[in-house]
C-alpha atoms as a PDB file:
ATOM      1  CA  UNK A   1       0.526   0.079   0.081  1.00  0.00           C
ATOM      2  CA  UNK A   2       0.747   3.516   0.036  1.00  0.00           C
ATOM      3  CA  UNK A   3       2.570   4.748   2.794  1.00  0.00           C
ATOM      4  CA  UNK A   4       0.117   6.781   4.328  1.00  0.00           C
ATOM      5  CA  UNK A   5      -2.105   3.788   4.173  1.00  0.00           C
ATOM      6  CA  UNK A   6       0.064   2.535   6.791  1.00  0.00           C
ATOM      7  CA  UNK A   7      -0.144   3.133  10.375  1.00  0.00           C
ATOM      8  CA  UNK A   8       3.454   1.702  11.639  1.00  0.00           C
ATOM      9  CA  UNK A   9       3.949   1.366  15.489  1.00  0.00           C
ATOM     10  CA  UNK A  10       6.333   0.361  17.812  1.00  0.00           C
ATOM     11  CA  UNK A  11       7.779   0.781  21.435  1.00  0.00           C
ATOM     12  CA  UNK A  12       9.102   2.681  24.336  1.00  0.00           C
ATOM     13  CA  UNK A  13       9.558   0.008  27.468  1.00  0.00           C
ATOM     14  CA  UNK A  14      11.277   1.182  31.076  1.00  0.00           C
ATOM     15  CA  UNK A  15      11.619  -2.033  32.556  1.00  0.00           C
ATOM     16  CA  UNK A  16      15.136  -0.595  34.646  1.00  0.00           C
ATOM     17  CA  UNK A  17      14.734   2.613  36.896  1.00  0.00           C
ATOM     18  CA  UNK A  18      15.984   5.817  35.367  1.00  0.00           C
ATOM     19  CA  UNK A  19      15.294   9.841  34.839  1.00  0.00           C
ATOM     20  CA  UNK A  20      13.119  10.747  31.611  1.00  0.00           C
ATOM     21  CA  UNK A  21      14.170  14.199  30.989  1.00  0.00           C
ATOM     22  CA  UNK A  22      13.043  15.714  28.099  1.00  0.00           C
ATOM     23  CA  UNK A  23      16.920  14.445  26.998  1.00  0.00           C
ATOM     24  CA  UNK A  24      16.200  11.246  27.287  1.00  0.00           C
ATOM     25  CA  UNK A  25      13.123  11.088  26.631  1.00  0.00           C
ATOM     26  CA  UNK A  26      13.319  13.095  22.808  1.00  0.00           C
ATOM     27  CA  UNK A  27      16.894  11.238  22.351  1.00  0.00           C
ATOM     28  CA  UNK A  28      14.393   7.619  22.258  1.00  0.00           C
ATOM     29  CA  UNK A  29      12.070   8.996  19.904  1.00  0.00           C
ATOM     30  CA  UNK A  30      14.670   9.476  17.620  1.00  0.00           C
ATOM     31  CA  UNK A  31      16.383   6.954  17.836  1.00  0.00           C
ATOM     32  CA  UNK A  32      13.448   5.389  17.813  1.00  0.00           C
ATOM     33  CA  UNK A  33      12.603   7.357  14.402  1.00  0.00           C
ATOM     34  CA  UNK A  34      16.129   6.551  12.527  1.00  0.00           C
ATOM     35  CA  UNK A  35      15.050   2.667  12.979  1.00  0.00           C
ATOM     36  CA  UNK A  36      12.042   3.186  11.366  1.00  0.00           C
ATOM     37  CA  UNK A  37      13.621   5.620   9.322  1.00  0.00           C
ATOM     38  CA  UNK A  38      11.044   8.305   9.278  1.00  0.00           C
ATOM     39  CA  UNK A  39      10.336  11.901  10.780  1.00  0.00           C
ATOM     40  CA  UNK A  40       7.314  11.276  12.547  1.00  0.00           C
ATOM     41  CA  UNK A  41       6.026   8.617  14.599  1.00  0.00           C
ATOM     42  CA  UNK A  42       2.852   7.864  14.005  1.00  0.00           C
ATOM     43  CA  UNK A  43       2.181   5.595  17.127  1.00  0.00           C
ATOM     44  CA  UNK A  44       4.933   5.312  20.030  1.00  0.00           C
ATOM     45  CA  UNK A  45       3.357   2.839  22.781  1.00  0.00           C
ATOM     46  CA  UNK A  46       4.876   3.541  25.990  1.00  0.00           C
ATOM     47  CA  UNK A  47       5.390   1.102  28.701  1.00  0.00           C
ATOM     48  CA  UNK A  48       6.924   1.177  32.324  1.00  0.00           C
ATOM     49  CA  UNK A  49       7.532  -1.237  34.993  1.00  0.00           C
ATOM     50  CA  UNK A  50       8.164   0.025  38.015  1.00  0.00           C
ATOM     51  CA  UNK A  51       4.264   1.969  39.210  1.00  0.00           C
ATOM     52  CA  UNK A  52       5.923   3.109  42.136  1.00  0.00           C
ATOM     53  CA  UNK A  53       8.348   5.234  40.177  1.00  0.00           C
ATOM     54  CA  UNK A  54       5.326   7.640  39.407  1.00  0.00           C
ATOM     55  CA  UNK A  55       8.598   8.327  36.348  1.00  0.00           C
ATOM     56  CA  UNK A  56       6.306   7.712  33.967  1.00  0.00           C
ATOM     57  CA  UNK A  57       3.991  10.479  34.592  1.00  0.00           C
ATOM     58  CA  UNK A  58       6.966  12.610  34.447  1.00  0.00           C
ATOM     59  CA  UNK A  59       7.795  10.743  31.058  1.00  0.00           C
ATOM     60  CA  UNK A  60       4.416  11.381  28.840  1.00  0.00           C
ATOM     61  CA  UNK A  61       4.827  14.977  29.751  1.00  0.00           C
ATOM     62  CA  UNK A  62       6.991  15.131  27.052  1.00  0.00           C
ATOM     63  CA  UNK A  63       5.754  12.290  25.132  1.00  0.00           C
ATOM     64  CA  UNK A  64       3.278  14.639  25.016  1.00  0.00           C
ATOM     65  CA  UNK A  65       5.271  17.830  24.114  1.00  0.00           C
ATOM     66  CA  UNK A  66       6.295  15.977  21.561  1.00  0.00           C
ATOM     67  CA  UNK A  67       3.287  15.248  19.955  1.00  0.00           C
ATOM     68  CA  UNK A  68       2.965  18.841  20.333  1.00  0.00           C
ATOM     69  CA  UNK A  69       5.890  19.383  18.555  1.00  0.00           C
ATOM     70  CA  UNK A  70       4.668  16.967  15.459  1.00  0.00           C
ATOM     71  CA  UNK A  71       7.615  14.975  16.380  1.00  0.00           C
ATOM     72  CA  UNK A  72       5.008  12.221  17.644  1.00  0.00           C
ATOM     73  CA  UNK A  73       1.355  11.902  15.611  1.00  0.00           C
ATOM     74  CA  UNK A  74      -0.514   9.516  18.857  1.00  0.00           C
ATOM     75  CA  UNK A  75       0.456   8.254  21.876  1.00  0.00           C
ATOM     76  CA  UNK A  76      -0.480   4.246  23.281  1.00  0.00           C
ATOM     77  CA  UNK A  77       0.707   2.352  26.561  1.00  0.00           C
ATOM     78  CA  UNK A  78       2.228  -0.949  26.260  1.00  0.00           C
ATOM     79  CA  UNK A  79       0.649  -3.571  29.878  1.00  0.00           C
ATOM     80  CA  UNK A  80      -0.145  -1.052  31.474  1.00  0.00           C
ATOM     81  CA  UNK A  81      -3.071  -1.919  34.405  1.00  0.00           C
ATOM     82  CA  UNK A  82      -6.413  -0.745  34.623  1.00  0.00           C
ATOM     83  CA  UNK A  83      -5.647   1.910  37.970  1.00  0.00           C
ATOM     84  CA  UNK A  84      -2.743   3.279  36.074  1.00  0.00           C
ATOM     85  CA  UNK A  85      -4.743   3.316  32.587  1.00  0.00           C
ATOM     86  CA  UNK A  86      -7.475   6.105  34.169  1.00  0.00           C
ATOM     87  CA  UNK A  87      -4.362   8.102  36.205  1.00  0.00           C
ATOM     88  CA  UNK A  88      -2.482   9.065  33.017  1.00  0.00           C
ATOM     89  CA  UNK A  89      -5.632   9.749  31.219  1.00  0.00           C
ATOM     90  CA  UNK A  90      -7.449  11.632  33.666  1.00  0.00           C
ATOM     91  CA  UNK A  91      -4.462  13.611  34.481  1.00  0.00           C
ATOM     92  CA  UNK A  92      -3.451  14.596  31.327  1.00  0.00           C
ATOM     93  CA  UNK A  93      -7.170  14.466  29.506  1.00  0.00           C
ATOM     94  CA  UNK A  94      -8.745  13.504  26.526  1.00  0.00           C
ATOM     95  CA  UNK A  95      -7.174  12.007  23.872  1.00  0.00           C
ATOM     96  CA  UNK A  96      -4.170  12.620  24.916  1.00  0.00           C
ATOM     97  CA  UNK A  97      -4.054   8.531  25.028  1.00  0.00           C
ATOM     98  CA  UNK A  98      -5.408   6.251  22.307  1.00  0.00           C
ATOM     99  CA  UNK A  99      -4.635   3.070  23.174  1.00  0.00           C
ATOM    100  CA  UNK A 100      -3.589  -0.009  25.594  1.00  0.00           C
ATOM    101  CA  UNK A 101      -1.747  -3.222  24.065  1.00  0.00           C
ATOM    102  CA  UNK A 102      -2.784  -5.670  26.754  1.00  0.00           C
ATOM    103  CA  UNK A 103      -3.620  -9.444  26.669  1.00  0.00           C
ATOM    104  CA  UNK A 104      -6.967 -10.492  26.312  1.00  0.00           C
ATOM    105  CA  UNK A 105      -8.762 -14.125  24.724  1.00  0.00           C
ATOM    106  CA  UNK A 106     -11.742 -17.001  24.755  1.00  0.00           C
ATOM    107  CA  UNK A 107      -9.040 -18.094  27.547  1.00  0.00           C
ATOM    108  CA  UNK A 108      -8.218 -14.514  29.272  1.00  0.00           C
ATOM    109  CA  UNK A 109     -11.083 -11.846  29.599  1.00  0.00           C
ATOM    110  CA  UNK A 110      -9.368  -9.636  32.147  1.00  0.00           C
ATOM    111  CA  UNK A 111     -10.628  -6.456  30.467  1.00  0.00           C
ATOM    112  CA  UNK A 112     -14.252  -7.252  29.979  1.00  0.00           C
ATOM    113  CA  UNK A 113     -14.009  -6.866  34.404  1.00  0.00           C
ATOM    114  CA  UNK A 114     -12.953  -3.121  34.505  1.00  0.00           C
ATOM    115  CA  UNK A 115     -10.771  -2.079  32.047  1.00  0.00           C
ATOM    116  CA  UNK A 116     -13.466  -1.909  29.421  1.00  0.00           C
ATOM    117  CA  UNK A 117     -15.699   0.871  31.525  1.00  0.00           C
ATOM    118  CA  UNK A 118     -12.202   2.288  31.533  1.00  0.00           C
ATOM    119  CA  UNK A 119     -12.070   2.420  27.836  1.00  0.00           C
ATOM    120  CA  UNK A 120     -15.685   3.084  27.815  1.00  0.00           C
ATOM    121  CA  UNK A 121     -14.912   6.349  30.303  1.00  0.00           C
ATOM    122  CA  UNK A 122     -11.876   8.147  28.063  1.00  0.00           C
ATOM    123  CA  UNK A 123     -12.671   7.045  25.315  1.00  0.00           C
ATOM    124  CA  UNK A 124      -9.728   4.907  24.994  1.00  0.00           C
ATOM    125  CA  UNK A 125      -9.238   2.055  22.067  1.00  0.00           C
ATOM    126  CA  UNK A 126      -7.457  -1.609  22.654  1.00  0.00           C
ATOM    127  CA  UNK A 127      -4.289  -2.976  21.341  1.00  0.00           C
ATOM    128  CA  UNK A 128      -5.298  -6.546  22.001  1.00  0.00           C
ATOM    129  CA  UNK A 129      -1.677  -9.715  21.616  1.00  0.00           C
ATOM    130  CA  UNK A 130      -2.316 -13.922  22.736  1.00  0.00           C
ATOM    131  CA  UNK A 131      -5.835 -13.598  20.755  1.00  0.00           C
ATOM    132  CA  UNK A 132      -4.892 -16.876  19.802  1.00  0.00           C
ATOM    133  CA  UNK A 133      -3.524 -17.834  23.313  1.00  0.00           C
ATOM    134  CA  UNK A 134      -0.066 -18.285  20.346  1.00  0.00           C
ATOM    135  CA  UNK A 135      -1.696 -21.160  17.701  1.00  0.00           C
ATOM    136  CA  UNK A 136      -3.566 -22.603  20.470  1.00  0.00           C
ATOM    137  CA  UNK A 137      -6.960 -20.820  18.962  1.00  0.00           C
ATOM    138  CA  UNK A 138      -6.823 -22.999  15.841  1.00  0.00           C
ATOM    139  CA  UNK A 139      -7.712 -26.375  14.330  1.00  0.00           C
ATOM    140  CA  UNK A 140      -4.913 -27.901  14.466  1.00  0.00           C
ATOM    141  CA  UNK A 141      -5.401 -28.211  17.880  1.00  0.00           C
ATOM    142  CA  UNK A 142      -9.579 -29.736  17.777  1.00  0.00           C
ATOM    143  CA  UNK A 143      -9.099 -33.271  18.741  1.00  0.00           C
ATOM    144  CA  UNK A 144      -5.020 -33.157  20.029  1.00  0.00           C
ATOM    145  CA  UNK A 145      -4.101 -34.858  23.718  1.00  0.00           C
ATOM    146  CA  UNK A 146      -2.135 -32.307  25.673  1.00  0.00           C
ATOM    147  CA  UNK A 147       1.034 -31.309  25.197  1.00  0.00           C
ATOM    148  CA  UNK A 148       3.989 -31.798  26.441  1.00  0.00           C
ATOM    149  CA  UNK A 149       5.325 -27.974  27.898  1.00  0.00           C
ATOM    150  CA  UNK A 150       8.973 -29.545  28.379  1.00  0.00           C
ATOM    151  CA  UNK A 151       9.130 -31.627  24.503  1.00  0.00           C
ATOM    152  CA  UNK A 152      10.778 -29.071  23.076  1.00  0.00           C
ATOM    153  CA  UNK A 153       7.951 -28.609  19.798  1.00  0.00           C
ATOM    154  CA  UNK A 154       6.673 -25.667  21.228  1.00  0.00           C
ATOM    155  CA  UNK A 155       7.322 -22.270  21.484  1.00  0.00           C
ATOM    156  CA  UNK A 156       8.211 -20.440  24.770  1.00  0.00           C
ATOM    157  CA  UNK A 157       4.661 -18.225  23.846  1.00  0.00           C
ATOM    158  CA  UNK A 158       2.670 -21.457  23.473  1.00  0.00           C
ATOM    159  CA  UNK A 159       4.332 -22.732  27.339  1.00  0.00           C
ATOM    160  CA  UNK A 160       2.829 -19.623  28.553  1.00  0.00           C
ATOM    161  CA  UNK A 161      -0.280 -20.393  27.107  1.00  0.00           C
ATOM    162  CA  UNK A 162      -0.145 -23.953  27.553  1.00  0.00           C
ATOM    163  CA  UNK A 163      -0.293 -22.839  31.279  1.00  0.00           C
ATOM    164  CA  UNK A 164      -3.170 -20.545  30.864  1.00  0.00           C
ATOM    165  CA  UNK A 165      -5.021 -22.483  29.973  1.00  0.00           C
ATOM    166  CA  UNK A 166      -4.454 -25.775  31.782  1.00  0.00           C
ATOM    167  CA  UNK A 167      -3.609 -23.907  35.763  1.00  0.00           C
ATOM    168  CA  UNK A 168      -5.247 -20.139  35.811  1.00  0.00           C
ATOM    169  CA  UNK A 169      -8.459 -21.212  32.606  1.00  0.00           C
ATOM    170  CA  UNK A 170      -9.340 -24.780  33.667  1.00  0.00           C
ATOM    171  CA  UNK A 171      -8.559 -27.434  31.665  1.00  0.00           C
ATOM    172  CA  UNK A 172      -6.920 -28.811  28.512  1.00  0.00           C
ATOM    173  CA  UNK A 173     -10.432 -30.890  28.594  1.00  0.00           C
ATOM    174  CA  UNK A 174     -12.695 -28.147  29.067  1.00  0.00           C
ATOM    175  CA  UNK A 175     -10.839 -26.118  26.161  1.00  0.00           C
ATOM    176  CA  UNK A 176     -11.100 -28.607  23.748  1.00  0.00           C
ATOM    177  CA  UNK A 177     -14.671 -28.645  24.327  1.00  0.00           C
ATOM    178  CA  UNK A 178     -14.743 -24.284  23.402  1.00  0.00           C
ATOM    179  CA  UNK A 179     -12.865 -26.203  20.568  1.00  0.00           C
ATOM    180  CA  UNK A 180     -15.341 -28.477  19.104  1.00  0.00           C
ATOM    181  CA  UNK A 181     -17.772 -25.286  19.491  1.00  0.00           C
ATOM    182  CA  UNK A 182     -15.742 -22.755  17.740  1.00  0.00           C
ATOM    183  CA  UNK A 183     -15.542 -25.207  15.444  1.00  0.00           C
ATOM    184  CA  UNK A 184     -19.169 -26.060  14.633  1.00  0.00           C
ATOM    185  CA  UNK A 185     -19.646 -22.392  14.869  1.00  0.00           C
ATOM    186  CA  UNK A 186     -16.852 -21.777  12.183  1.00  0.00           C
ATOM    187  CA  UNK A 187     -18.083 -24.591   9.896  1.00  0.00           C
ATOM    188  CA  UNK A 188     -21.393 -22.393  10.337  1.00  0.00           C
ATOM    189  CA  UNK A 189     -19.550 -19.573   8.417  1.00  0.00           C
ATOM    190  CA  UNK A 190     -17.710 -20.900   6.126  1.00  0.00           C
ATOM    191  CA  UNK A 191     -14.623 -19.053   9.183  1.00  0.00           C
ATOM    192  CA  UNK A 192     -12.218 -20.987  10.569  1.00  0.00           C
ATOM    193  CA  UNK A 193     -11.640 -21.219  14.677  1.00  0.00           C
ATOM    194  CA  UNK A 194      -8.559 -18.499  14.953  1.00  0.00           C
ATOM    195  CA  UNK A 195     -11.459 -16.132  12.948  1.00  0.00           C
ATOM    196  CA  UNK A 196     -13.988 -17.489  15.023  1.00  0.00           C
ATOM    197  CA  UNK A 197     -11.716 -16.624  18.087  1.00  0.00           C
ATOM    198  CA  UNK A 198     -10.209 -13.229  16.459  1.00  0.00           C
ATOM    199  CA  UNK A 199     -14.114 -12.657  15.793  1.00  0.00           C
ATOM    200  CA  UNK A 200     -14.551 -12.750  19.172  1.00  0.00           C
ATOM    201  CA  UNK A 201     -12.065 -10.264  20.886  1.00  0.00           C
ATOM    202  CA  UNK A 202     -13.165  -7.535  17.842  1.00  0.00           C
ATOM    203  CA  UNK A 203     -16.920  -7.592  18.550  1.00  0.00           C
ATOM    204  CA  UNK A 204     -16.510  -5.835  21.773  1.00  0.00           C
ATOM    205  CA  UNK A 205     -17.066  -2.243  20.980  1.00  0.00           C
ATOM    206  CA  UNK A 206     -13.406  -1.248  23.429  1.00  0.00           C
ATOM    207  CA  UNK A 207     -10.946  -3.443  20.559  1.00  0.00           C
ATOM    208  CA  UNK A 208      -9.392  -1.614  18.355  1.00  0.00           C
ATOM    209  CA  UNK A 209      -7.384  -4.283  16.616  1.00  0.00           C
ATOM    210  CA  UNK A 210      -5.860  -7.757  17.898  1.00  0.00           C
ATOM    211  CA  UNK A 211      -2.510  -8.092  16.959  1.00  0.00           C
ATOM    212  CA  UNK A 212      -1.854 -11.432  15.485  1.00  0.00           C
ATOM    213  CA  UNK A 213       1.100 -12.706  16.132  1.00  0.00           C
ATOM    214  CA  UNK A 214       3.659 -14.405  13.154  1.00  0.00           C
ATOM    215  CA  UNK A 215       6.770 -15.536  12.795  1.00  0.00           C
ATOM    216  CA  UNK A 216       8.238 -15.036   9.296  1.00  0.00           C
ATOM    217  CA  UNK A 217       8.180 -17.983   6.678  1.00  0.00           C
ATOM    218  CA  UNK A 218       7.342 -20.438   9.809  1.00  0.00           C
ATOM    219  CA  UNK A 219       3.467 -19.381  10.302  1.00  0.00           C
ATOM    220  CA  UNK A 220       2.211 -16.896   9.216  1.00  0.00           C
ATOM    221  CA  UNK A 221      -0.944 -17.083   7.509  1.00  0.00           C
ATOM    222  CA  UNK A 222      -2.655 -14.256   6.064  1.00  0.00           C
ATOM    223  CA  UNK A 223      -4.367 -15.863   3.441  1.00  0.00           C
ATOM    224  CA  UNK A 224      -6.782 -16.950   6.492  1.00  0.00           C
ATOM    225  CA  UNK A 225      -6.324 -14.062   8.838  1.00  0.00           C
ATOM    226  CA  UNK A 226      -7.901 -12.022   5.732  1.00  0.00           C
ATOM    227  CA  UNK A 227     -11.010 -14.102   6.212  1.00  0.00           C
ATOM    228  CA  UNK A 228     -12.134 -12.395   9.796  1.00  0.00           C
ATOM    229  CA  UNK A 229     -13.376  -9.621   7.868  1.00  0.00           C
ATOM    230  CA  UNK A 230     -17.017  -9.696   6.460  1.00  0.00           C
ATOM    231  CA  UNK A 231     -18.938 -11.196   9.385  1.00  0.00           C
ATOM    232  CA  UNK A 232     -19.823 -10.860  12.884  1.00  0.00           C
ATOM    233  CA  UNK A 233     -20.684 -13.690  15.726  1.00  0.00           C
ATOM    234  CA  UNK A 234     -24.905 -14.185  16.134  1.00  0.00           C
ATOM    235  CA  UNK A 235     -25.699 -14.286  20.018  1.00  0.00           C
ATOM    236  CA  UNK A 236     -26.354 -17.824  20.028  1.00  0.00           C
ATOM    237  CA  UNK A 237     -23.241 -18.533  18.563  1.00  0.00           C
ATOM    238  CA  UNK A 238     -22.036 -15.614  21.829  1.00  0.00           C
ATOM    239  CA  UNK A 239     -23.993 -17.717  23.486  1.00  0.00           C
ATOM    240  CA  UNK A 240     -22.796 -20.854  22.489  1.00  0.00           C
ATOM    241  CA  UNK A 241     -19.487 -19.626  23.241  1.00  0.00           C
ATOM    242  CA  UNK A 242     -20.587 -18.771  26.744  1.00  0.00           C
ATOM    243  CA  UNK A 243     -21.832 -21.841  27.695  1.00  0.00           C
ATOM    244  CA  UNK A 244     -17.906 -23.085  27.020  1.00  0.00           C
ATOM    245  CA  UNK A 245     -16.301 -19.850  29.208  1.00  0.00           C
ATOM    246  CA  UNK A 246     -19.136 -20.084  32.330  1.00  0.00           C
ATOM    247  CA  UNK A 247     -16.703 -23.468  33.042  1.00  0.00           C
ATOM    248  CA  UNK A 248     -14.271 -21.627  32.989  1.00  0.00           C
ATOM    249  CA  UNK A 249     -12.657 -20.592  35.863  1.00  0.00           C
ATOM    250  CA  UNK A 250     -11.648 -16.873  33.342  1.00  0.00           C
ATOM    251  CA  UNK A 251     -13.744 -14.675  35.924  1.00  0.00           C
ATOM    252  CA  UNK A 252     -10.462 -15.696  38.636  1.00  0.00           C
ATOM    253  CA  UNK A 253      -8.410 -14.904  36.004  1.00  0.00           C
ATOM    254  CA  UNK A 254      -7.852 -11.690  37.403  1.00  0.00           C
ATOM    255  CA  UNK A 255      -7.765 -12.414  40.727  1.00  0.00           C
ATOM    256  CA  UNK A 256      -4.818 -15.283  40.967  1.00  0.00           C
ATOM    257  CA  UNK A 257      -3.007 -14.096  38.459  1.00  0.00           C
ATOM    258  CA  UNK A 258      -3.139  -9.786  38.338  1.00  0.00           C
ATOM    259  CA  UNK A 259      -5.066  -7.766  36.091  1.00  0.00           C
ATOM    260  CA  UNK A 260      -4.205  -6.535  32.721  1.00  0.00           C
ATOM    261  CA  UNK A 261      -0.297  -6.079  32.458  1.00  0.00           C
ATOM    262  CA  UNK A 262      -0.136  -8.069  35.709  1.00  0.00           C
ATOM    263  CA  UNK A 263       2.007 -11.182  34.318  1.00  0.00           C
ATOM    264  CA  UNK A 264       4.984  -9.023  33.126  1.00  0.00           C
ATOM    265  CA  UNK A 265       5.531  -7.778  36.817  1.00  0.00           C
END
């Protein structure tokens, strides 16, 4: 596509204590501009690991100054919890922050609990990852036995999501029941399990986009992913899915793991 139709998103993630001065923040942004070979960052996604250090407010103040100067088009958050997301959006006002990138899927439904209310309050959109649970929400795993996490066939991402499925969410047996329902719905729409799982996330109004992981040359599925456009799940579809989710521990994941982003702290 023409460059003007493409949005380039990048991240600035702070995992250790720094002094977020104007010079430090500006240098970080310009470093990303050089890497992306652009004169402006379309979406700068900001992550700050230590909430005890309120320096994230200082850093965001400088980022917003750079936005007003035209260096950044939009600012988003990455793996910020609900309390801090609400704090930041309240502090800087309407339109200052456009998005928050967090995990959201049929297995991890934490954004439904409180983050969704904050999104509505501040007109914020979620950019969601983990939508397919590392590829587990796909036709490939329908009818498959529970994999051995230490066999070496799974990616690090899949080991993380497998642990979430069998320990936090409920069990591999219930997960298989979910795949059976998703496959039935997929057949009715002429889609795949992955398409249904993706559309379930996209159908929530606080979701701006899903981030589908891809390993170039190994696991990409661009043609299949395009099939998610042009259809929506029906009330009956959602009722069948909810019947399975009601049997899971999905509503308690927010207490066992923590709020959005907590798994990275």
